[in-house]
Amino acid sequence: MPDADTWIPVATLDDLWEGEVIEVAVEDRPILLAHLPGGEIRAYDGLCPHAGFPLVDGEVTDGVLTCPAHSWEFDLESGAGVNPSTCTLNRHQVRLDGDRIAISLSQGESA
């Protein structure tokens, strides 16, 4: 796994429109990218921490992502659990360089 100071290019803004989520792979690890209203980009582990299902297949409504497997809900701005509130998404740092999106993988950092 890259060290904390390594920035990995994963997508461009053309790949990720505002209000959308996509999944990218970093070293065969699924990463969920979310483009929030207002332009902020968030990156989280791409599998639900509850049961390991791909979050990219979930539904996004009003900034809340609902896992397609068991309907657990997560706030895409913070990664915090909405239902249940005790489960959070592992968040990664994001950097924009022009229209290029790069992330730095965390070592298990919660949102």
PDB file of N, CA and C in Angstrom:
ATOM      1  N   MET A   1       0.852  -1.187   0.000  1.00  0.00           N
ATOM      2  CA  MET A   1       0.000   0.000   0.000  1.00  0.00           C
ATOM      3  C   MET A   1       0.890   1.239   0.000  1.00  0.00           C
ATOM      4  N   PRO A   2       0.519   2.288  -0.732  1.00  0.00           N
ATOM      5  CA  PRO A   2       1.332   3.509  -0.768  1.00  0.00           C
ATOM      6  C   PRO A   2       1.402   4.152   0.612  1.00  0.00           C
ATOM      7  N   ASP A   3       2.487   4.916   0.856  1.00  0.00           N
ATOM      8  CA  ASP A   3       2.544   5.621   2.131  1.00  0.00           C
ATOM      9  C   ASP A   3       1.593   6.817   2.105  1.00  0.00           C
ATOM     10  N   ALA A   4       1.404   7.439   3.270  1.00  0.00           N
ATOM     11  CA  ALA A   4       0.387   8.480   3.424  1.00  0.00           C
ATOM     12  C   ALA A   4       0.633   9.703   2.549  1.00  0.00           C
ATOM     13  N   ASP A   5       1.880   9.920   2.104  1.00  0.00           N
ATOM     14  CA  ASP A   5       2.180  11.088   1.293  1.00  0.00           C
ATOM     15  C   ASP A   5       2.080  10.826  -0.205  1.00  0.00           C
ATOM     16  N   THR A   6       1.675   9.640  -0.595  1.00  0.00           N
ATOM     17  CA  THR A   6       1.577   9.279  -2.001  1.00  0.00           C
ATOM     18  C   THR A   6       0.203   9.647  -2.547  1.00  0.00           C
ATOM     19  N   TRP A   7       0.203  10.451  -3.604  1.00  0.00           N
ATOM     20  CA  TRP A   7      -1.049  10.833  -4.257  1.00  0.00           C
ATOM     21  C   TRP A   7      -1.203   9.992  -5.520  1.00  0.00           C
ATOM     22  N   ILE A   8      -2.349   9.344  -5.646  1.00  0.00           N
ATOM     23  CA  ILE A   8      -2.608   8.425  -6.741  1.00  0.00           C
ATOM     24  C   ILE A   8      -3.698   9.012  -7.629  1.00  0.00           C
ATOM     25  N   PRO A   9      -3.399   9.322  -8.900  1.00  0.00           N
ATOM     26  CA  PRO A   9      -4.439   9.812  -9.809  1.00  0.00           C
ATOM     27  C   PRO A   9      -5.464   8.699 -10.053  1.00  0.00           C
ATOM     28  N   VAL A  10      -6.754   9.040  -9.925  1.00  0.00           N
ATOM     29  CA  VAL A  10      -7.786   8.009 -10.054  1.00  0.00           C
ATOM     30  C   VAL A  10      -8.869   8.339 -11.075  1.00  0.00           C
ATOM     31  N   ALA A  11      -9.070   9.612 -11.388  1.00  0.00           N
ATOM     32  CA  ALA A  11     -10.164   9.989 -12.295  1.00  0.00           C
ATOM     33  C   ALA A  11     -10.020  11.464 -12.654  1.00  0.00           C
ATOM     34  N   THR A  12     -10.941  11.934 -13.498  1.00  0.00           N
ATOM     35  CA  THR A  12     -11.033  13.359 -13.811  1.00  0.00           C
ATOM     36  C   THR A  12     -12.449  13.828 -13.500  1.00  0.00           C
ATOM     37  N   LEU A  13     -12.624  15.123 -13.482  1.00  0.00           N
ATOM     38  CA  LEU A  13     -13.968  15.662 -13.247  1.00  0.00           C
ATOM     39  C   LEU A  13     -14.929  15.273 -14.366  1.00  0.00           C
ATOM     40  N   ASP A  14     -14.408  14.993 -15.573  1.00  0.00           N
ATOM     41  CA  ASP A  14     -15.269  14.505 -16.655  1.00  0.00           C
ATOM     42  C   ASP A  14     -15.806  13.111 -16.354  1.00  0.00           C
ATOM     43  N   ASP A  15     -15.079  12.343 -15.530  1.00  0.00           N
ATOM     44  CA  ASP A  15     -15.520  10.998 -15.144  1.00  0.00           C
ATOM     45  C   ASP A  15     -16.556  11.031 -14.031  1.00  0.00           C
ATOM     46  N   LEU A  16     -16.566  12.104 -13.256  1.00  0.00           N
ATOM     47  CA  LEU A  16     -17.381  12.174 -12.042  1.00  0.00           C
ATOM     48  C   LEU A  16     -18.145  13.493 -11.997  1.00  0.00           C
ATOM     49  N   TRP A  17     -19.355  13.465 -12.469  1.00  0.00           N
ATOM     50  CA  TRP A  17     -20.180  14.670 -12.515  1.00  0.00           C
ATOM     51  C   TRP A  17     -20.746  14.978 -11.141  1.00  0.00           C
ATOM     52  N   GLU A  18     -21.025  16.246 -10.917  1.00  0.00           N
ATOM     53  CA  GLU A  18     -21.597  16.673  -9.643  1.00  0.00           C
ATOM     54  C   GLU A  18     -22.870  15.890  -9.352  1.00  0.00           C
ATOM     55  N   GLY A  19     -22.974  15.382  -8.113  1.00  0.00           N
ATOM     56  CA  GLY A  19     -24.131  14.605  -7.683  1.00  0.00           C
ATOM     57  C   GLY A  19     -23.990  13.112  -7.927  1.00  0.00           C
ATOM     58  N   GLU A  20     -22.884  12.694  -8.568  1.00  0.00           N
ATOM     59  CA  GLU A  20     -22.689  11.278  -8.881  1.00  0.00           C
ATOM     60  C   GLU A  20     -21.663  10.631  -7.953  1.00  0.00           C
ATOM     61  N   VAL A  21     -21.701   9.293  -7.956  1.00  0.00           N
ATOM     62  CA  VAL A  21     -20.657   8.490  -7.325  1.00  0.00           C
ATOM     63  C   VAL A  21     -20.135   7.510  -8.366  1.00  0.00           C
ATOM     64  N   ILE A  22     -18.835   7.222  -8.283  1.00  0.00           N
ATOM     65  CA  ILE A  22     -18.238   6.200  -9.134  1.00  0.00           C
ATOM     66  C   ILE A  22     -17.284   5.376  -8.275  1.00  0.00           C
ATOM     67  N   GLU A  23     -16.929   4.211  -8.802  1.00  0.00           N
ATOM     68  CA  GLU A  23     -15.935   3.387  -8.131  1.00  0.00           C
ATOM     69  C   GLU A  23     -14.674   3.347  -8.980  1.00  0.00           C
ATOM     70  N   VAL A  24     -13.542   3.493  -8.329  1.00  0.00           N
ATOM     71  CA  VAL A  24     -12.248   3.346  -8.975  1.00  0.00           C
ATOM     72  C   VAL A  24     -11.477   2.283  -8.199  1.00  0.00           C
ATOM     73  N   ALA A  25     -10.470   1.706  -8.832  1.00  0.00           N
ATOM     74  CA  ALA A  25      -9.645   0.697  -8.160  1.00  0.00           C
ATOM     75  C   ALA A  25      -8.252   1.255  -7.934  1.00  0.00           C
ATOM     76  N   VAL A  26      -7.779   1.095  -6.725  1.00  0.00           N
ATOM     77  CA  VAL A  26      -6.408   1.467  -6.379  1.00  0.00           C
ATOM     78  C   VAL A  26      -5.773   0.210  -5.787  1.00  0.00           C
ATOM     79  N   GLU A  27      -4.820  -0.350  -6.537  1.00  0.00           N
ATOM     80  CA  GLU A  27      -4.177  -1.604  -6.122  1.00  0.00           C
ATOM     81  C   GLU A  27      -5.232  -2.668  -5.826  1.00  0.00           C
ATOM     82  N   ASP A  28      -6.190  -2.817  -6.721  1.00  0.00           N
ATOM     83  CA  ASP A  28      -7.295  -3.784  -6.592  1.00  0.00           C
ATOM     84  C   ASP A  28      -8.208  -3.515  -5.396  1.00  0.00           C
ATOM     85  N   ARG A  29      -8.108  -2.340  -4.818  1.00  0.00           N
ATOM     86  CA  ARG A  29      -8.970  -1.947  -3.694  1.00  0.00           C
ATOM     87  C   ARG A  29     -10.052  -1.021  -4.239  1.00  0.00           C
ATOM     88  N   PRO A  30     -11.345  -1.348  -4.052  1.00  0.00           N
ATOM     89  CA  PRO A  30     -12.399  -0.463  -4.546  1.00  0.00           C
ATOM     90  C   PRO A  30     -12.502   0.798  -3.692  1.00  0.00           C
ATOM     91  N   ILE A  31     -12.515   1.948  -4.385  1.00  0.00           N
ATOM     92  CA  ILE A  31     -12.642   3.248  -3.732  1.00  0.00           C
ATOM     93  C   ILE A  31     -13.854   3.957  -4.326  1.00  0.00           C
ATOM     94  N   LEU A  32     -14.722   4.463  -3.474  1.00  0.00           N
ATOM     95  CA  LEU A  32     -15.905   5.200  -3.898  1.00  0.00           C
ATOM     96  C   LEU A  32     -15.563   6.681  -3.939  1.00  0.00           C
ATOM     97  N   LEU A  33     -15.786   7.312  -5.087  1.00  0.00           N
ATOM     98  CA  LEU A  33     -15.633   8.761  -5.210  1.00  0.00           C
ATOM     99  C   LEU A  33     -17.020   9.380  -5.291  1.00  0.00           C
ATOM    100  N   ALA A  34     -17.229  10.445  -4.550  1.00  0.00           N
ATOM    101  CA  ALA A  34     -18.507  11.151  -4.557  1.00  0.00           C
ATOM    102  C   ALA A  34     -18.243  12.618  -4.868  1.00  0.00           C
ATOM    103  N   HIS A  35     -18.980  13.164  -5.836  1.00  0.00           N
ATOM    104  CA  HIS A  35     -18.878  14.574  -6.199  1.00  0.00           C
ATOM    105  C   HIS A  35     -20.092  15.273  -5.601  1.00  0.00           C
ATOM    106  N   LEU A  36     -19.880  15.975  -4.512  1.00  0.00           N
ATOM    107  CA  LEU A  36     -20.968  16.607  -3.772  1.00  0.00           C
ATOM    108  C   LEU A  36     -21.443  17.877  -4.463  1.00  0.00           C
ATOM    109  N   PRO A  37     -22.707  18.250  -4.241  1.00  0.00           N
ATOM    110  CA  PRO A  37     -23.183  19.534  -4.744  1.00  0.00           C
ATOM    111  C   PRO A  37     -22.286  20.647  -4.183  1.00  0.00           C
ATOM    112  N   GLY A  38     -21.886  21.568  -5.032  1.00  0.00           N
ATOM    113  CA  GLY A  38     -20.975  22.619  -4.622  1.00  0.00           C
ATOM    114  C   GLY A  38     -19.538  22.326  -5.012  1.00  0.00           C
ATOM    115  N   GLY A  39     -19.275  21.125  -5.509  1.00  0.00           N
ATOM    116  CA  GLY A  39     -17.972  20.827  -6.071  1.00  0.00           C
ATOM    117  C   GLY A  39     -17.007  20.003  -5.243  1.00  0.00           C
ATOM    118  N   GLU A  40     -17.273  19.775  -3.967  1.00  0.00           N
ATOM    119  CA  GLU A  40     -16.361  18.987  -3.137  1.00  0.00           C
ATOM    120  C   GLU A  40     -16.350  17.530  -3.597  1.00  0.00           C
ATOM    121  N   ILE A  41     -15.166  16.917  -3.524  1.00  0.00           N
ATOM    122  CA  ILE A  41     -15.011  15.504  -3.852  1.00  0.00           C
ATOM    123  C   ILE A  41     -14.641  14.767  -2.570  1.00  0.00           C
ATOM    124  N   ARG A  42     -15.270  13.626  -2.341  1.00  0.00           N
ATOM    125  CA  ARG A  42     -14.952  12.769  -1.199  1.00  0.00           C
ATOM    126  C   ARG A  42     -14.556  11.397  -1.722  1.00  0.00           C
ATOM    127  N   ALA A  43     -13.683  10.720  -0.965  1.00  0.00           N
ATOM    128  CA  ALA A  43     -13.261   9.354  -1.298  1.00  0.00           C
ATOM    129  C   ALA A  43     -13.384   8.490  -0.053  1.00  0.00           C
ATOM    130  N   TYR A  44     -13.994   7.330  -0.230  1.00  0.00           N
ATOM    131  CA  TYR A  44     -14.199   6.377   0.857  1.00  0.00           C
ATOM    132  C   TYR A  44     -13.889   4.972   0.354  1.00  0.00           C
ATOM    133  N   ASP A  45     -13.647   4.056   1.299  1.00  0.00           N
ATOM    134  CA  ASP A  45     -13.560   2.660   0.889  1.00  0.00           C
ATOM    135  C   ASP A  45     -14.852   2.317   0.158  1.00  0.00           C
ATOM    136  N   GLY A  46     -14.748   1.539  -0.909  1.00  0.00           N
ATOM    137  CA  GLY A  46     -15.889   1.287  -1.784  1.00  0.00           C
ATOM    138  C   GLY A  46     -16.801   0.159  -1.368  1.00  0.00           C
ATOM    139  N   LEU A  47     -16.463  -0.526  -0.273  1.00  0.00           N
ATOM    140  CA  LEU A  47     -17.309  -1.620   0.202  1.00  0.00           C
ATOM    141  C   LEU A  47     -17.974  -1.232   1.511  1.00  0.00           C
ATOM    142  N   CYS A  48     -19.226  -1.607   1.657  1.00  0.00           N
ATOM    143  CA  CYS A  48     -19.965  -1.307   2.889  1.00  0.00           C
ATOM    144  C   CYS A  48     -19.257  -1.965   4.073  1.00  0.00           C
ATOM    145  N   PRO A  49     -18.997  -1.211   5.147  1.00  0.00           N
ATOM    146  CA  PRO A  49     -18.320  -1.790   6.306  1.00  0.00           C
ATOM    147  C   PRO A  49     -19.176  -2.836   7.027  1.00  0.00           C
ATOM    148  N   HIS A  50     -20.455  -2.861   6.741  1.00  0.00           N
ATOM    149  CA  HIS A  50     -21.356  -3.815   7.385  1.00  0.00           C
ATOM    150  C   HIS A  50     -21.201  -5.213   6.809  1.00  0.00           C
ATOM    151  N   ALA A  51     -21.291  -5.333   5.472  1.00  0.00           N
ATOM    152  CA  ALA A  51     -21.299  -6.674   4.880  1.00  0.00           C
ATOM    153  C   ALA A  51     -20.453  -6.777   3.613  1.00  0.00           C
ATOM    154  N   GLY A  52     -19.712  -5.731   3.270  1.00  0.00           N
ATOM    155  CA  GLY A  52     -18.786  -5.815   2.154  1.00  0.00           C
ATOM    156  C   GLY A  52     -19.378  -5.703   0.764  1.00  0.00           C
ATOM    157  N   PHE A  53     -20.591  -5.187   0.633  1.00  0.00           N
ATOM    158  CA  PHE A  53     -21.199  -5.022  -0.687  1.00  0.00           C
ATOM    159  C   PHE A  53     -20.708  -3.730  -1.342  1.00  0.00           C
ATOM    160  N   PRO A  54     -20.611  -3.695  -2.688  1.00  0.00           N
ATOM    161  CA  PRO A  54     -20.164  -2.482  -3.380  1.00  0.00           C
ATOM    162  C   PRO A  54     -21.131  -1.314  -3.172  1.00  0.00           C
ATOM    163  N   LEU A  55     -20.621  -0.225  -2.621  1.00  0.00           N
ATOM    164  CA  LEU A  55     -21.464   0.941  -2.360  1.00  0.00           C
ATOM    165  C   LEU A  55     -21.851   1.683  -3.630  1.00  0.00           C
ATOM    166  N   VAL A  56     -21.073   1.554  -4.703  1.00  0.00           N
ATOM    167  CA  VAL A  56     -21.354   2.264  -5.948  1.00  0.00           C
ATOM    168  C   VAL A  56     -22.718   1.874  -6.515  1.00  0.00           C
ATOM    169  N   ASP A  57     -23.208   0.703  -6.148  1.00  0.00           N
ATOM    170  CA  ASP A  57     -24.516   0.247  -6.623  1.00  0.00           C
ATOM    171  C   ASP A  57     -25.667   0.811  -5.794  1.00  0.00           C
ATOM    172  N   GLY A  58     -25.341   1.584  -4.754  1.00  0.00           N
ATOM    173  CA  GLY A  58     -26.373   2.155  -3.894  1.00  0.00           C
ATOM    174  C   GLY A  58     -27.043   3.366  -4.516  1.00  0.00           C
ATOM    175  N   GLU A  59     -28.060   3.834  -3.851  1.00  0.00           N
ATOM    176  CA  GLU A  59     -28.825   4.991  -4.306  1.00  0.00           C
ATOM    177  C   GLU A  59     -28.419   6.217  -3.498  1.00  0.00           C
ATOM    178  N   VAL A  60     -28.251   7.352  -4.191  1.00  0.00           N
ATOM    179  CA  VAL A  60     -27.918   8.609  -3.529  1.00  0.00           C
ATOM    180  C   VAL A  60     -29.135   9.522  -3.579  1.00  0.00           C
ATOM    181  N   THR A  61     -29.569   9.960  -2.402  1.00  0.00           N
ATOM    182  CA  THR A  61     -30.688  10.887  -2.292  1.00  0.00           C
ATOM    183  C   THR A  61     -30.331  11.946  -1.255  1.00  0.00           C
ATOM    184  N   ASP A  62     -30.354  13.213  -1.674  1.00  0.00           N
ATOM    185  CA  ASP A  62     -30.069  14.333  -0.763  1.00  0.00           C
ATOM    186  C   ASP A  62     -28.761  14.133  -0.003  1.00  0.00           C
ATOM    187  N   GLY A  63     -27.722  13.656  -0.687  1.00  0.00           N
ATOM    188  CA  GLY A  63     -26.413  13.507  -0.072  1.00  0.00           C
ATOM    189  C   GLY A  63     -26.246  12.297   0.817  1.00  0.00           C
ATOM    190  N   VAL A  64     -27.236  11.418   0.829  1.00  0.00           N
ATOM    191  CA  VAL A  64     -27.162  10.199   1.635  1.00  0.00           C
ATOM    192  C   VAL A  64     -27.102   9.005   0.693  1.00  0.00           C
ATOM    193  N   LEU A  65     -26.097   8.164   0.904  1.00  0.00           N
ATOM    194  CA  LEU A  65     -25.929   6.944   0.115  1.00  0.00           C
ATOM    195  C   LEU A  65     -26.535   5.779   0.873  1.00  0.00           C
ATOM    196  N   THR A  66     -27.418   5.026   0.208  1.00  0.00           N
ATOM    197  CA  THR A  66     -28.031   3.854   0.806  1.00  0.00           C
ATOM    198  C   THR A  66     -27.401   2.605   0.203  1.00  0.00           C
ATOM    199  N   CYS A  67     -26.825   1.768   1.044  1.00  0.00           N
ATOM    200  CA  CYS A  67     -26.205   0.528   0.590  1.00  0.00           C
ATOM    201  C   CYS A  67     -27.274  -0.365  -0.040  1.00  0.00           C
ATOM    202  N   PRO A  68     -26.977  -0.948  -1.212  1.00  0.00           N
ATOM    203  CA  PRO A  68     -27.984  -1.760  -1.894  1.00  0.00           C
ATOM    204  C   PRO A  68     -28.264  -3.093  -1.210  1.00  0.00           C
ATOM    205  N   ALA A  69     -27.400  -3.542  -0.331  1.00  0.00           N
ATOM    206  CA  ALA A  69     -27.574  -4.862   0.276  1.00  0.00           C
ATOM    207  C   ALA A  69     -28.566  -4.858   1.441  1.00  0.00           C
ATOM    208  N   HIS A  70     -28.339  -3.998   2.427  1.00  0.00           N
ATOM    209  CA  HIS A  70     -29.169  -4.015   3.636  1.00  0.00           C
ATOM    210  C   HIS A  70     -29.698  -2.641   4.017  1.00  0.00           C
ATOM    211  N   SER A  71     -29.609  -1.687   3.082  1.00  0.00           N
ATOM    212  CA  SER A  71     -30.179  -0.345   3.257  1.00  0.00           C
ATOM    213  C   SER A  71     -29.531   0.481   4.368  1.00  0.00           C
ATOM    214  N   TRP A  72     -28.290   0.179   4.728  1.00  0.00           N
ATOM    215  CA  TRP A  72     -27.586   1.058   5.656  1.00  0.00           C
ATOM    216  C   TRP A  72     -27.318   2.373   4.934  1.00  0.00           C
ATOM    217  N   GLU A  73     -27.358   3.487   5.669  1.00  0.00           N
ATOM    218  CA  GLU A  73     -27.248   4.810   5.066  1.00  0.00           C
ATOM    219  C   GLU A  73     -26.030   5.562   5.602  1.00  0.00           C
ATOM    220  N   PHE A  74     -25.370   6.294   4.666  1.00  0.00           N
ATOM    221  CA  PHE A  74     -24.166   7.046   5.002  1.00  0.00           C
ATOM    222  C   PHE A  74     -24.246   8.445   4.407  1.00  0.00           C
ATOM    223  N   ASP A  75     -23.836   9.444   5.198  1.00  0.00           N
ATOM    224  CA  ASP A  75     -23.758  10.824   4.741  1.00  0.00           C
ATOM    225  C   ASP A  75     -22.507  10.951   3.873  1.00  0.00           C
ATOM    226  N   LEU A  76     -22.668  11.329   2.611  1.00  0.00           N
ATOM    227  CA  LEU A  76     -21.531  11.400   1.698  1.00  0.00           C
ATOM    228  C   LEU A  76     -20.597  12.574   1.984  1.00  0.00           C
ATOM    229  N   GLU A  77     -21.054  13.577   2.698  1.00  0.00           N
ATOM    230  CA  GLU A  77     -20.171  14.696   3.025  1.00  0.00           C
ATOM    231  C   GLU A  77     -19.168  14.305   4.099  1.00  0.00           C
ATOM    232  N   SER A  78     -19.608  13.549   5.083  1.00  0.00           N
ATOM    233  CA  SER A  78     -18.744  13.219   6.220  1.00  0.00           C
ATOM    234  C   SER A  78     -18.359  11.752   6.303  1.00  0.00           C
ATOM    235  N   GLY A  79     -19.135  10.875   5.676  1.00  0.00           N
ATOM    236  CA  GLY A  79     -18.920   9.433   5.808  1.00  0.00           C
ATOM    237  C   GLY A  79     -19.600   8.845   7.028  1.00  0.00           C
ATOM    238  N   ALA A  80     -20.229   9.691   7.825  1.00  0.00           N
ATOM    239  CA  ALA A  80     -20.886   9.231   9.046  1.00  0.00           C
ATOM    240  C   ALA A  80     -22.099   8.380   8.730  1.00  0.00           C
ATOM    241  N   GLY A  81     -22.338   7.405   9.589  1.00  0.00           N
ATOM    242  CA  GLY A  81     -23.533   6.591   9.453  1.00  0.00           C
ATOM    243  C   GLY A  81     -24.770   7.398   9.792  1.00  0.00           C
ATOM    244  N   VAL A  82     -25.805   7.240   8.989  1.00  0.00           N
ATOM    245  CA  VAL A  82     -27.096   7.870   9.257  1.00  0.00           C
ATOM    246  C   VAL A  82     -27.995   6.838   9.934  1.00  0.00           C
ATOM    247  N   ASN A  83     -28.022   5.648   9.373  1.00  0.00           N
ATOM    248  CA  ASN A  83     -28.817   4.556   9.924  1.00  0.00           C
ATOM    249  C   ASN A  83     -28.112   3.245   9.611  1.00  0.00           C
ATOM    250  N   PRO A  84     -27.403   2.680  10.576  1.00  0.00           N
ATOM    251  CA  PRO A  84     -27.228   3.122  11.962  1.00  0.00           C
ATOM    252  C   PRO A  84     -26.131   4.183  12.077  1.00  0.00           C
ATOM    253  N   SER A  85     -26.180   4.929  13.149  1.00  0.00           N
ATOM    254  CA  SER A  85     -25.215   6.009  13.356  1.00  0.00           C
ATOM    255  C   SER A  85     -23.875   5.497  13.881  1.00  0.00           C
ATOM    256  N   THR A  86     -23.796   4.235  14.238  1.00  0.00           N
ATOM    257  CA  THR A  86     -22.578   3.677  14.825  1.00  0.00           C
ATOM    258  C   THR A  86     -21.569   3.182  13.791  1.00  0.00           C
ATOM    259  N   CYS A  87     -21.892   3.229  12.525  1.00  0.00           N
ATOM    260  CA  CYS A  87     -21.009   2.720  11.476  1.00  0.00           C
ATOM    261  C   CYS A  87     -20.610   3.872  10.556  1.00  0.00           C
ATOM    262  N   THR A  88     -19.314   4.051  10.318  1.00  0.00           N
ATOM    263  CA  THR A  88     -18.843   5.119   9.438  1.00  0.00           C
ATOM    264  C   THR A  88     -18.004   4.542   8.304  1.00  0.00           C
ATOM    265  N   LEU A  89     -17.885   5.328   7.251  1.00  0.00           N
ATOM    266  CA  LEU A  89     -17.057   4.935   6.118  1.00  0.00           C
ATOM    267  C   LEU A  89     -15.620   5.392   6.339  1.00  0.00           C
ATOM    268  N   ASN A  90     -14.670   4.577   5.912  1.00  0.00           N
ATOM    269  CA  ASN A  90     -13.253   4.929   5.982  1.00  0.00           C
ATOM    270  C   ASN A  90     -12.972   5.934   4.879  1.00  0.00           C
ATOM    271  N   ARG A  91     -12.514   7.113   5.267  1.00  0.00           N
ATOM    272  CA  ARG A  91     -12.317   8.227   4.336  1.00  0.00           C
ATOM    273  C   ARG A  91     -10.857   8.369   3.926  1.00  0.00           C
ATOM    274  N   HIS A  92     -10.647   8.816   2.694  1.00  0.00           N
ATOM    275  CA  HIS A  92      -9.313   9.064   2.158  1.00  0.00           C
ATOM    276  C   HIS A  92      -9.208  10.523   1.725  1.00  0.00           C
ATOM    277  N   GLN A  93      -8.004  11.064   1.791  1.00  0.00           N
ATOM    278  CA  GLN A  93      -7.782  12.442   1.370  1.00  0.00           C
ATOM    279  C   GLN A  93      -7.901  12.547  -0.146  1.00  0.00           C
ATOM    280  N   VAL A  94      -8.427  13.690  -0.599  1.00  0.00           N
ATOM    281  CA  VAL A  94      -8.612  13.956  -2.025  1.00  0.00           C
ATOM    282  C   VAL A  94      -7.916  15.260  -2.368  1.00  0.00           C
ATOM    283  N   ARG A  95      -7.306  15.287  -3.544  1.00  0.00           N
ATOM    284  CA  ARG A  95      -6.670  16.505  -4.045  1.00  0.00           C
ATOM    285  C   ARG A  95      -7.045  16.674  -5.510  1.00  0.00           C
ATOM    286  N   LEU A  96      -7.384  17.915  -5.882  1.00  0.00           N
ATOM    287  CA  LEU A  96      -7.657  18.240  -7.282  1.00  0.00           C
ATOM    288  C   LEU A  96      -6.465  18.975  -7.858  1.00  0.00           C
ATOM    289  N   ASP A  97      -6.049  18.548  -9.047  1.00  0.00           N
ATOM    290  CA  ASP A  97      -4.998  19.224  -9.791  1.00  0.00           C
ATOM    291  C   ASP A  97      -5.597  19.531 -11.156  1.00  0.00           C
ATOM    292  N   GLY A  98      -6.132  20.732 -11.299  1.00  0.00           N
ATOM    293  CA  GLY A  98      -6.906  21.047 -12.503  1.00  0.00           C
ATOM    294  C   GLY A  98      -8.185  20.231 -12.472  1.00  0.00           C
ATOM    295  N   ASP A  99      -8.372  19.380 -13.492  1.00  0.00           N
ATOM    296  CA  ASP A  99      -9.572  18.532 -13.496  1.00  0.00           C
ATOM    297  C   ASP A  99      -9.244  17.102 -13.072  1.00  0.00           C
ATOM    298  N   ARG A 100      -7.998  16.853 -12.639  1.00  0.00           N
ATOM    299  CA  ARG A 100      -7.585  15.512 -12.227  1.00  0.00           C
ATOM    300  C   ARG A 100      -7.803  15.305 -10.732  1.00  0.00           C
ATOM    301  N   ILE A 101      -8.374  14.155 -10.395  1.00  0.00           N
ATOM    302  CA  ILE A 101      -8.658  13.786  -9.013  1.00  0.00           C
ATOM    303  C   ILE A 101      -7.609  12.773  -8.571  1.00  0.00           C
ATOM    304  N   ALA A 102      -6.963  13.044  -7.439  1.00  0.00           N
ATOM    305  CA  ALA A 102      -5.997  12.123  -6.860  1.00  0.00           C
ATOM    306  C   ALA A 102      -6.381  11.880  -5.418  1.00  0.00           C
ATOM    307  N   ILE A 103      -6.055  10.678  -4.926  1.00  0.00           N
ATOM    308  CA  ILE A 103      -6.342  10.366  -3.523  1.00  0.00           C
ATOM    309  C   ILE A 103      -5.062   9.870  -2.850  1.00  0.00           C
ATOM    310  N   SER A 104      -5.074   9.969  -1.529  1.00  0.00           N
ATOM    311  CA  SER A 104      -4.033   9.398  -0.690  1.00  0.00           C
ATOM    312  C   SER A 104      -4.735   8.402   0.222  1.00  0.00           C
ATOM    313  N   LEU A 105      -4.358   7.136   0.121  1.00  0.00           N
ATOM    314  CA  LEU A 105      -5.020   6.116   0.918  1.00  0.00           C
ATOM    315  C   LEU A 105      -4.678   6.265   2.381  1.00  0.00           C
ATOM    316  N   SER A 106      -5.703   6.156   3.224  1.00  0.00           N
ATOM    317  CA  SER A 106      -5.501   6.202   4.665  1.00  0.00           C
ATOM    318  C   SER A 106      -5.273   4.783   5.170  1.00  0.00           C
ATOM    319  N   GLN A 107      -4.896   4.689   6.398  1.00  0.00           N
ATOM    320  CA  GLN A 107      -4.652   3.376   7.022  1.00  0.00           C
ATOM    321  C   GLN A 107      -5.775   3.047   8.004  1.00  0.00           C
ATOM    322  N   GLY A 108      -7.029   3.219   7.582  1.00  0.00           N
ATOM    323  CA  GLY A 108      -8.147   2.884   8.468  1.00  0.00           C
ATOM    324  C   GLY A 108      -8.722   4.065   9.191  1.00  0.00           C
ATOM    325  N   GLU A 109      -8.507   5.253   8.672  1.00  0.00           N
ATOM    326  CA  GLU A 109      -9.025   6.483   9.278  1.00  0.00           C
ATOM    327  C   GLU A 109     -10.523   6.575   9.034  1.00  0.00           C
ATOM    328  N   SER A 110     -11.282   6.784  10.103  1.00  0.00           N
ATOM    329  CA  SER A 110     -12.725   6.978   9.963  1.00  0.00           C
ATOM    330  C   SER A 110     -13.007   8.404   9.550  1.00  0.00           C
ATOM    331  N   ALA A 111     -14.205   8.598   9.066  1.00  0.00           N
ATOM    332  CA  ALA A 111     -14.616   9.920   8.608  1.00  0.00           C
ATOM    333  C   ALA A 111     -14.636  10.911   9.748  1.00  0.00           C
TER     334      ALA A 111
END
